[in-house]
Amino acid sequence: MQKIIPHLWFDKEADEATKFYMSLKNNNLLQKSYLDNPRGTVQ
């Protein structure tokens, strides 16, 4: 059976969402947080 890894995307308020998930008792739900949103063109 394959492992399911959910991905949450926030356009706004990502810092608040990160703090919320880290405040949960089972805080191993959040493993990585990327606050930078790279922008540019693809060639």
Protein backbone atom coordinates (compact mmCIF):
# COMPACT_ATOMS: atom_id res chain seq x y z
CA MET A 1 0.00 0.00 0.00
CA GLN A 2 1.32 3.43 -0.90
CA LYS A 3 1.71 6.13 1.71
CA ILE A 4 -0.50 9.21 1.25
CA ILE A 5 1.27 12.52 1.81
CA PRO A 6 -1.13 15.50 1.80
CA HIS A 7 0.03 18.88 0.54
CA LEU A 8 -1.54 22.11 1.76
CA TRP A 9 -1.18 25.28 -0.29
CA PHE A 10 -1.94 28.72 1.12
CA ASP A 11 -1.82 31.86 -1.02
CA LYS A 12 -2.35 34.00 2.08
CA GLU A 13 -1.96 33.50 5.82
CA ALA A 14 0.51 30.62 5.50
CA ASP A 15 2.33 31.71 8.65
CA GLU A 16 -0.90 31.58 10.67
CA ALA A 17 -1.73 28.14 9.26
CA THR A 18 1.76 26.90 10.15
CA LYS A 19 1.39 28.14 13.71
CA PHE A 20 -2.03 26.47 13.98
CA TYR A 21 -0.80 23.07 12.80
CA MET A 22 2.25 23.30 15.07
CA SER A 23 0.00 24.09 18.06
CA LEU A 24 -1.88 20.81 17.70
CA LYS A 25 -1.09 18.10 20.21
CA ASN A 26 0.00 15.72 17.45
CA ASN A 27 2.32 18.30 15.90
CA ASN A 28 4.13 15.79 13.69
CA LEU A 29 1.47 16.59 11.06
CA LEU A 30 3.63 19.41 9.76
CA GLN A 31 7.04 18.37 8.49
CA LYS A 32 8.01 21.25 6.18
CA SER A 33 6.91 24.80 5.60
CA TYR A 34 7.93 26.91 2.63
CA LEU A 35 7.02 30.57 2.95
CA ASP A 36 8.76 31.76 -0.20
CA ASN A 37 6.71 31.76 -3.39
CA PRO A 38 9.10 31.81 -6.35
CA ARG A 39 7.90 33.78 -9.34
CA GLY A 40 9.19 34.05 -12.84
CA THR A 41 8.75 32.73 -16.33
CA VAL A 42 9.29 29.21 -17.59
CA GLN A 43 11.35 28.72 -20.72
